[in-house]
Protein backbone atom coordinates (compact mmCIF):
# COMPACT_ATOMS: atom_id res chain seq x y z
CA UNK A 1 191.66 52.04 116.08
CA UNK A 2 192.88 55.47 115.00
CA UNK A 3 190.64 58.45 116.25
CA UNK A 4 189.31 59.31 112.90
CA UNK A 5 188.09 55.48 112.28
CA UNK A 6 186.47 55.95 115.76
CA UNK A 7 184.72 59.32 114.84
CA UNK A 8 183.55 57.83 111.55
CA UNK A 9 182.12 54.50 112.35
CA UNK A 10 178.57 54.31 112.84
CA UNK A 11 178.15 50.71 114.13
CA UNK A 12 175.31 51.32 117.22
CA UNK A 13 173.94 54.22 115.95
CA UNK A 14 170.35 51.86 114.91
CA UNK A 15 169.09 51.69 118.40
CA UNK A 16 169.37 54.72 119.77
CA UNK A 17 167.48 56.23 116.39
CA UNK A 18 164.84 53.41 116.98
CA UNK A 19 164.17 54.45 120.42
CA UNK A 20 163.92 58.30 119.72
CA UNK A 21 161.21 57.40 116.55
CA UNK A 22 159.34 55.03 119.27
CA UNK A 23 159.34 57.76 122.19
CA UNK A 24 157.97 60.21 119.36
CA UNK A 25 155.51 57.20 118.13
CA UNK A 26 154.21 56.60 121.59
CA UNK A 27 153.71 60.52 122.23
CA UNK A 28 151.67 60.68 119.11
CA UNK A 29 149.84 57.67 120.03
CA UNK A 30 149.31 59.12 123.45
CA UNK A 31 147.64 62.38 121.88
CA UNK A 32 145.94 60.28 119.40
CA UNK A 33 144.06 58.07 122.14
CA UNK A 34 143.16 61.50 124.17
CA UNK A 35 141.81 63.22 121.05
CA UNK A 36 139.77 60.03 120.54
CA UNK A 37 138.17 60.68 123.84
CA UNK A 38 137.36 64.32 123.94
CA UNK A 39 136.62 64.46 120.53
CA UNK A 40 133.30 62.73 120.35
CA UNK A 41 132.49 64.53 123.72
CA UNK A 42 133.06 68.06 121.99
CA UNK A 43 131.10 67.05 119.23
CA UNK A 44 128.07 66.01 121.56
CA UNK A 45 128.55 69.17 123.10
CA UNK A 46 128.24 70.96 119.89
CA UNK A 47 125.33 68.87 118.79
CA UNK A 48 123.38 69.99 122.20
CA UNK A 49 123.96 73.30 121.93
CA UNK A 50 122.80 73.60 118.01
CA UNK A 51 119.66 71.75 119.43
CA UNK A 52 119.03 74.00 122.15
CA UNK A 53 119.40 76.84 119.98
CA UNK A 54 117.09 75.05 117.73
CA UNK A 55 114.54 74.54 120.46
CA UNK A 56 114.97 78.49 121.55
CA UNK A 57 113.95 79.40 117.76
CA UNK A 58 111.17 77.13 117.93
CA UNK A 59 109.76 78.95 120.96
CA UNK A 60 110.56 82.43 119.30
CA UNK A 61 108.66 81.39 115.96
CA UNK A 62 105.34 80.11 118.42
CA UNK A 63 105.52 83.36 120.12
CA UNK A 64 105.13 85.47 116.81
CA UNK A 65 102.68 83.07 115.47
CA UNK A 66 100.99 83.68 118.63
CA UNK A 67 100.72 87.37 118.27
CA UNK A 68 100.26 87.28 114.96
CA UNK A 69 97.32 85.34 114.96
CA UNK A 70 95.81 87.48 117.75
CA UNK A 71 95.57 90.47 115.33
CA UNK A 72 94.93 88.58 111.78
CA UNK A 73 91.50 88.95 111.20
CA UNK A 74 88.82 85.96 111.03
CA UNK A 75 88.38 83.14 110.03
CA UNK A 76 92.37 82.36 110.24
CA UNK A 77 93.18 84.63 113.43
CA UNK A 78 91.67 86.69 116.25
CA UNK A 79 90.67 84.06 118.70
CA UNK A 80 92.70 81.12 117.01
CA UNK A 81 93.28 78.75 120.21
CA UNK A 82 97.10 79.46 121.56
CA UNK A 83 97.12 83.01 119.97
CA UNK A 84 97.88 86.42 122.19
CA UNK A 85 95.32 89.00 121.61
CA UNK A 86 96.36 92.58 121.36
CA UNK A 87 96.90 94.62 123.51
CA UNK A 88 98.64 92.00 125.42
CA UNK A 89 96.70 90.18 128.36
CA UNK A 90 97.43 90.90 132.25
CA UNK A 91 98.87 88.66 132.99
CA UNK A 92 100.27 86.96 130.08
CA UNK A 93 98.28 83.33 129.42
CA UNK A 94 100.57 80.14 129.77
CA UNK A 95 103.06 79.33 127.75
CA UNK A 96 104.19 82.82 127.31
CA UNK A 97 105.03 83.85 130.58
CA UNK A 98 108.41 81.97 130.76
CA UNK A 99 107.23 79.66 133.52
CA UNK A 100 106.26 76.72 131.56
CA UNK A 101 108.49 74.11 129.97
CA UNK A 102 107.34 73.10 126.14
CA UNK A 103 108.42 69.82 125.39
CA UNK A 104 109.80 70.10 121.35
CA UNK A 105 109.92 66.83 120.03
CA UNK A 106 112.37 63.82 121.59
CA UNK A 107 115.20 65.92 122.25
CA UNK A 108 113.89 68.90 124.47
CA UNK A 109 111.86 72.12 124.68
CA UNK A 110 112.09 75.85 125.01
CA UNK A 111 110.66 78.18 127.82
CA UNK A 112 109.54 81.25 126.29
CA UNK A 113 108.10 84.94 127.36
CA UNK A 114 106.05 87.74 125.76
CA UNK A 115 106.22 91.39 127.04
CA UNK A 116 105.25 94.75 125.91
CA UNK A 117 108.98 96.53 126.87
CA UNK A 118 107.13 100.29 126.40
CA UNK A 119 103.24 99.91 126.70
CA UNK A 120 102.99 103.47 126.70
CA UNK A 121 105.34 104.95 124.26
CA UNK A 122 105.82 101.69 121.77
CA UNK A 123 102.31 100.17 122.26
CA UNK A 124 102.74 97.63 119.31
CA UNK A 125 105.99 96.16 120.17
CA UNK A 126 106.57 93.37 122.08
CA UNK A 127 109.79 91.63 123.46
CA UNK A 128 109.93 88.11 123.50
CA UNK A 129 112.49 85.96 125.13
CA UNK A 130 112.99 82.16 124.41
CA UNK A 131 115.59 79.53 126.12
CA UNK A 132 115.76 76.25 124.53
CA UNK A 133 116.69 73.49 126.25
CA UNK A 134 118.57 70.17 124.97
CA UNK A 135 116.80 67.67 127.39
CA UNK A 136 114.43 65.01 126.69
CA UNK A 137 112.37 65.32 129.89
CA UNK A 138 113.98 67.32 132.47
CA UNK A 139 115.03 71.30 131.59
CA UNK A 140 116.11 72.10 135.47
CA UNK A 141 119.02 69.91 135.03
CA UNK A 142 122.41 71.72 135.41
CA UNK A 143 124.12 69.55 133.05
CA UNK A 144 121.35 70.62 130.29
CA UNK A 145 122.35 72.35 127.22
CA UNK A 146 120.63 75.84 127.32
CA UNK A 147 120.73 78.40 124.63
CA UNK A 148 118.76 82.16 125.53
CA UNK A 149 117.43 84.28 122.37
CA UNK A 150 115.65 87.91 122.64
CA UNK A 151 114.02 89.77 119.67
CA UNK A 152 112.02 92.89 119.23
CA UNK A 153 108.86 92.33 117.28
CA UNK A 154 106.57 94.94 115.98
CA UNK A 155 103.07 95.26 113.78
CA UNK A 156 101.90 98.40 112.33
CA UNK A 157 99.75 100.24 114.51
CA UNK A 158 96.14 98.64 114.87
CA UNK A 159 94.59 101.92 114.08
CA UNK A 160 90.88 100.20 114.62
CA UNK A 161 91.60 99.61 117.99
CA UNK A 162 94.22 102.07 119.43
CA UNK A 163 92.66 105.29 118.07
CA UNK A 164 90.55 107.23 120.68
CA UNK A 165 89.17 109.61 118.18
CA UNK A 166 87.58 110.09 114.68
CA UNK A 167 90.09 113.31 114.08
CA UNK A 168 92.86 113.25 115.98
CA UNK A 169 95.55 116.27 115.64
CA UNK A 170 98.88 116.61 117.14
CA UNK A 171 98.31 120.36 117.25
CA UNK A 172 95.67 123.15 117.30
CA UNK A 173 92.76 122.08 115.27
CA UNK A 174 89.61 124.34 113.54
CA UNK A 175 86.28 123.00 112.45
CA UNK A 176 83.91 125.60 110.77
CA UNK A 177 81.23 125.71 108.01
CA UNK A 178 78.77 122.70 108.55
CA UNK A 179 81.29 120.00 109.00
CA UNK A 180 80.84 116.78 111.05
CA UNK A 181 83.35 115.29 112.94
CA UNK A 182 81.70 112.04 114.17
CA UNK A 183 83.24 109.50 116.89
CA UNK A 184 79.37 107.81 117.65
CA UNK A 185 79.13 106.12 114.23
CA UNK A 186 80.45 102.68 115.14
CA UNK A 187 79.51 102.22 118.82
CA UNK A 188 79.70 98.37 118.80
CA UNK A 189 83.18 97.84 117.08
CA UNK A 190 86.72 98.68 118.15
CA UNK A 191 86.25 99.68 121.66
CA UNK A 192 82.78 101.40 121.30
CA UNK A 193 82.17 105.48 120.74
CA UNK A 194 85.41 107.74 120.38
CA UNK A 195 85.88 111.06 120.97
CA UNK A 196 84.96 113.20 117.76
CA UNK A 197 88.47 115.09 118.21
CA UNK A 198 91.13 114.98 120.24
CA UNK A 199 93.84 117.56 119.90
CA UNK A 200 97.27 118.29 121.24
CA UNK A 201 96.62 122.24 121.22
CA UNK A 202 93.30 124.11 120.96
CA UNK A 203 89.75 123.34 119.21
CA UNK A 204 87.33 125.79 117.72
CA UNK A 205 84.42 125.08 116.30
CA UNK A 206 82.84 127.91 114.36
CA UNK A 207 79.46 128.28 112.41
CA UNK A 208 77.55 125.61 112.39
CA UNK A 209 80.23 122.52 112.48
CA UNK A 210 79.64 119.60 114.73
CA UNK A 211 81.99 117.35 116.66
CA UNK A 212 80.27 114.59 118.45
CA UNK A 213 81.55 112.16 120.38
CA UNK A 214 79.60 111.34 123.25
CA UNK A 215 76.00 109.80 124.37
CA UNK A 216 74.69 113.05 124.92
CA UNK A 217 72.11 114.88 122.74
CA UNK A 218 74.30 118.27 122.66
CA UNK A 219 77.49 118.33 120.37
CA UNK A 220 80.72 120.41 120.94
CA UNK A 221 80.86 119.72 124.54
CA UNK A 222 84.68 120.00 125.32
CA UNK A 223 85.63 116.88 127.53
CA UNK A 224 82.72 114.67 126.30
CA UNK A 225 82.73 115.14 122.37
CA UNK A 226 86.25 116.35 121.99
CA UNK A 227 89.08 116.64 124.14
CA UNK A 228 91.79 119.50 123.37
CA UNK A 229 95.12 120.73 125.27
CA UNK A 230 96.51 116.64 125.16
CA UNK A 231 99.84 116.85 125.56
CA UNK A 232 100.45 113.58 126.99
CA UNK A 233 102.66 111.38 124.30
CA UNK A 234 100.78 108.27 124.94
CA UNK A 235 97.44 109.70 123.95
CA UNK A 236 98.70 109.42 120.29
CA UNK A 237 101.59 106.90 120.65
CA UNK A 238 99.32 104.26 119.37
CA UNK A 239 98.31 106.00 116.23
CA UNK A 240 101.84 107.03 115.46
CA UNK A 241 104.03 105.73 113.01
CA UNK A 242 107.42 105.15 113.20
CA UNK A 243 110.79 104.59 110.90
CA UNK A 244 109.94 101.04 110.75
CA UNK A 245 106.43 101.64 110.13
CA UNK A 246 107.12 103.85 107.04
CA UNK A 247 109.92 101.69 105.85
CA UNK A 248 107.55 98.00 105.42
CA UNK A 249 104.64 101.30 103.97
CA UNK A 250 107.26 102.56 101.52
CA UNK A 251 107.94 98.83 100.25
CA UNK A 252 104.08 97.74 100.35
CA UNK A 253 102.92 101.09 98.03
CA UNK A 254 105.82 100.23 95.61
CA UNK A 255 104.58 96.84 95.04
CA UNK A 256 101.15 98.32 94.81
CA UNK A 257 102.12 101.14 92.32
CA UNK A 258 101.07 103.85 94.50
CA UNK A 259 104.57 104.94 96.25
CA UNK A 260 105.00 108.68 95.00
CA UNK A 261 109.35 109.44 96.16
CA UNK A 262 112.46 109.38 94.47
CA UNK A 263 112.43 107.57 91.38
CA UNK A 264 108.75 106.98 91.75
CA UNK A 265 107.67 110.13 90.61
CA UNK A 266 104.44 108.84 88.91
CA UNK A 267 103.77 105.65 91.05
CA UNK A 268 106.18 103.73 89.62
CA UNK A 269 109.52 103.38 88.71
CA UNK A 270 110.86 105.82 86.52
CA UNK A 271 114.24 107.80 85.01
CA UNK A 272 112.66 111.14 85.21
CA UNK A 273 110.81 113.63 85.62
CA UNK A 274 112.54 114.32 88.92
CA UNK A 275 110.24 113.79 92.20
CA UNK A 276 109.56 117.56 93.65
CA UNK A 277 107.64 116.41 96.75
CA UNK A 278 104.56 117.88 94.99
CA UNK A 279 101.78 116.01 93.70
CA UNK A 280 98.06 116.82 93.06
CA UNK A 281 95.23 113.99 92.49
CA UNK A 282 92.58 114.59 90.26
CA UNK A 283 90.36 113.60 87.36
CA UNK A 284 93.61 113.81 85.41
CA UNK A 285 95.87 112.07 88.03
CA UNK A 286 94.26 109.48 89.39
CA UNK A 287 94.71 107.07 92.41
CA UNK A 288 94.04 103.64 93.07
CA UNK A 289 93.11 101.64 96.05
CA UNK A 290 95.67 100.22 98.47
CA UNK A 291 98.14 101.42 100.59
CA UNK A 292 99.21 105.16 99.11
CA UNK A 293 102.57 106.59 100.34
CA UNK A 294 103.55 109.99 99.41
CA UNK A 295 107.36 110.80 100.41
CA UNK A 296 109.74 113.70 101.00
CA UNK A 297 111.79 115.03 98.49
CA UNK A 298 114.59 113.10 99.64
CA UNK A 299 112.69 110.27 100.63
CA UNK A 300 114.16 110.06 104.36
CA UNK A 301 111.78 111.16 107.15
CA UNK A 302 111.21 114.15 108.53
CA UNK A 303 113.15 114.98 111.85
CA UNK A 304 111.14 115.10 115.33
CA UNK A 305 113.39 117.83 116.02
CA UNK A 306 112.37 121.23 114.51
CA UNK A 307 116.04 122.28 113.99
CA UNK A 308 117.08 119.62 111.69
CA UNK A 309 113.59 120.06 109.67
CA UNK A 310 114.09 121.62 105.98
CA UNK A 311 110.51 122.35 105.44
CA UNK A 312 111.12 122.35 101.45
CA UNK A 313 111.96 118.67 101.76
CA UNK A 314 108.56 117.97 103.09
CA UNK A 315 105.58 116.51 100.79
CA UNK A 316 102.92 118.88 99.43
CA UNK A 317 99.70 116.65 98.49
CA UNK A 318 96.63 118.26 96.94
CA UNK A 319 93.37 115.85 96.23
CA UNK A 320 90.46 117.36 94.59
CA UNK A 321 87.67 116.69 92.03
CA UNK A 322 87.22 113.12 90.77
CA UNK A 323 90.60 112.00 91.85
CA UNK A 324 90.01 108.17 91.98
CA UNK A 325 89.99 105.23 90.13
CA UNK A 326 87.63 103.39 91.66
CA UNK A 327 84.80 106.13 92.40
CA UNK A 328 85.08 105.85 96.23
CA UNK A 329 88.83 105.21 97.62
CA UNK A 330 89.67 102.37 100.31
CA UNK A 331 92.79 101.92 101.78
CA UNK A 332 95.40 103.99 103.56
CA UNK A 333 96.71 107.32 102.33
CA UNK A 334 99.75 108.32 104.47
CA UNK A 335 101.63 111.69 103.41
CA UNK A 336 105.66 112.12 104.58
CA UNK A 337 104.02 116.10 104.76
CA UNK A 338 101.02 117.96 104.32
CA UNK A 339 97.49 117.16 102.98
CA UNK A 340 94.91 119.04 101.34
CA UNK A 341 91.51 117.89 100.50
CA UNK A 342 88.58 119.52 99.02
CA UNK A 343 85.58 118.48 96.55
CA UNK A 344 83.08 115.83 96.77
CA UNK A 345 84.59 112.09 96.85
CA UNK A 346 84.47 109.38 99.84
CA UNK A 347 87.48 108.23 101.12
CA UNK A 348 86.86 105.13 102.99
CA UNK A 349 90.09 104.12 105.07
CA UNK A 350 93.09 105.98 106.57
CA UNK A 351 94.08 109.58 106.02
CA UNK A 352 97.53 109.99 107.63
CA UNK A 353 99.45 113.45 107.64
CA UNK A 354 102.82 113.85 108.95
CA UNK A 355 102.37 117.18 109.12
CA UNK A 356 99.03 119.78 108.63
CA UNK A 357 95.80 118.04 107.06
CA UNK A 358 93.28 120.61 105.29
CA UNK A 359 89.98 119.47 104.72
CA UNK A 360 87.31 121.21 102.77
CA UNK A 361 84.54 118.72 101.74
CA UNK A 362 81.53 119.35 99.32
CA UNK A 363 78.45 117.80 98.90
CA UNK A 364 78.34 114.19 99.97
CA UNK A 365 82.22 114.00 100.38
CA UNK A 366 83.47 112.26 103.90
CA UNK A 367 85.96 110.39 104.90
CA UNK A 368 84.88 107.46 106.77
CA UNK A 369 87.45 105.67 109.19
CA UNK A 370 89.95 107.74 110.99
CA UNK A 371 92.14 110.83 109.93
CA UNK A 372 95.54 111.62 111.84
CA UNK A 373 97.55 114.61 111.66
CA UNK A 374 100.79 114.90 113.26
CA UNK A 375 101.72 118.24 113.03
CA UNK A 376 105.56 117.06 113.32
CA UNK A 377 106.59 120.64 112.55
CA UNK A 378 104.09 122.27 115.57
CA UNK A 379 105.54 120.31 118.82
CA UNK A 380 103.70 122.79 121.24
CA UNK A 381 100.20 124.53 121.32
CA UNK A 382 101.70 127.81 121.86
CA UNK A 383 103.78 127.73 118.39
CA UNK A 384 101.13 126.36 115.97
CA UNK A 385 97.98 128.59 114.26
CA UNK A 386 95.15 126.66 112.37
CA UNK A 387 97.09 123.74 111.61
CA UNK A 388 94.49 121.36 111.09
CA UNK A 389 91.11 122.53 109.67
CA UNK A 390 88.09 120.73 108.84
CA UNK A 391 85.47 123.62 106.89
CA UNK A 392 82.56 123.43 104.26
CA UNK A 393 80.43 120.30 104.15
CA UNK A 394 83.20 117.57 105.18
CA UNK A 395 82.48 114.98 107.08
CA UNK A 396 85.02 112.46 109.10
CA UNK A 397 83.10 109.72 110.74
CA UNK A 398 84.66 107.05 112.73
CA UNK A 399 84.57 103.29 110.80
CA UNK A 400 86.81 100.65 112.72
CA UNK A 401 85.84 98.00 109.71
CA UNK A 402 87.31 100.74 107.03
CA UNK A 403 90.93 100.68 109.11
CA UNK A 404 91.54 96.78 108.61
CA UNK A 405 95.30 97.23 106.38
CA UNK A 406 94.63 96.52 102.86
CA UNK A 407 94.84 93.15 101.48
CA UNK A 408 98.63 93.23 100.66
CA UNK A 409 99.59 94.89 104.02
CA UNK A 410 101.41 92.34 106.41
CA UNK A 411 99.52 92.98 109.17
CA UNK A 412 101.27 90.47 111.75
CA UNK A 413 104.40 90.77 113.91
CA UNK A 414 107.67 91.03 112.21
CA UNK A 415 111.12 91.48 113.71
CA UNK A 416 112.74 94.74 114.43
CA UNK A 417 115.61 94.80 112.58
CA UNK A 418 119.09 94.83 114.67
CA UNK A 419 117.21 93.66 117.82
CA UNK A 420 118.02 89.78 117.60
CA UNK A 421 120.88 88.67 120.06
CA UNK A 422 121.42 86.01 121.87
CA UNK A 423 122.37 86.30 125.56
CA UNK A 424 124.16 84.25 127.97
CA UNK A 425 121.80 82.26 130.08
């Protein structure tokens, strides 16, 4: 046979081809056989991890519920079984200190802990750590699937309980005329008698003015009725609104039709006129009850650093005459700047000025609740002069009941944005 014929002869090729195909098929069969054994294990592990994560979420939600129920007014909250009081008890009761396994259904459970990360400077924040376990009976088995989540939650300052005074001023305070600042009017609620006034700077009492905050019969006693030069930040920490609080209050005021700021020059959404930061409430421009928030020109918070502040951006608010729709006002008035009140009107609730507060009441005009002046433009006693004054017939009387947030306010604990994370266990 010629060489050319031998080269082109295909007899005997089928066998090696069949053997090669069998080898490939055998390899594939082995691979599928291995996958058929490992895939269920992987799927089962994923299921366990997902269930552990769900249990961790359940523990977190349980803690948020307990914290919120501890501050919600009766009958639905404040002492409900399993709730956590404010301030946080020490030691924290079970099952919220992280050493109790809580069975959650038939597939596992969780351990959850609640702490105060910075009780002095951020008394309204709580840190929740929750570990979820996929295990019907025992969370200590090293083979148990587990997931750990952690987040910070906070609430609006509970002014009724946190406040140490009827008039709290983070600067100098002058009280003159026939003014009365009284912290003794609500002795049975919210921690008992308060100081009449507390100031980070000096306190000057002139004329027939009186500051009372003690059980003695003589008013205007330094250290008893009022305290001055209180520069420790912790004194004001519990009654200071932060950026997150401002964001919440802005939204609540918008829902209530009482937000005055960029795009809302008249309290409601409007295309014009432009917001200037200045507004006056009187008989011709009345204010309704609820959460009231008067914002800066830019709508941004005022920086704490004086060098970064622009005083032209501050809100400037005046309230005088007959300024309220309902006669007497009930709610919170928060001003992202300075506030001046004059005239014969009654405010039942919170008056909060980020900068200066000037009050010149007449007749029976009074604030029954709490007044706070943060003096953000003035951070030291030596840098300020007469920033907050109370003169004339003005009366400021502490009242716990009037400081309960208005009905539309979310008074429970909510997540602090950016703090939720899953940790390695």
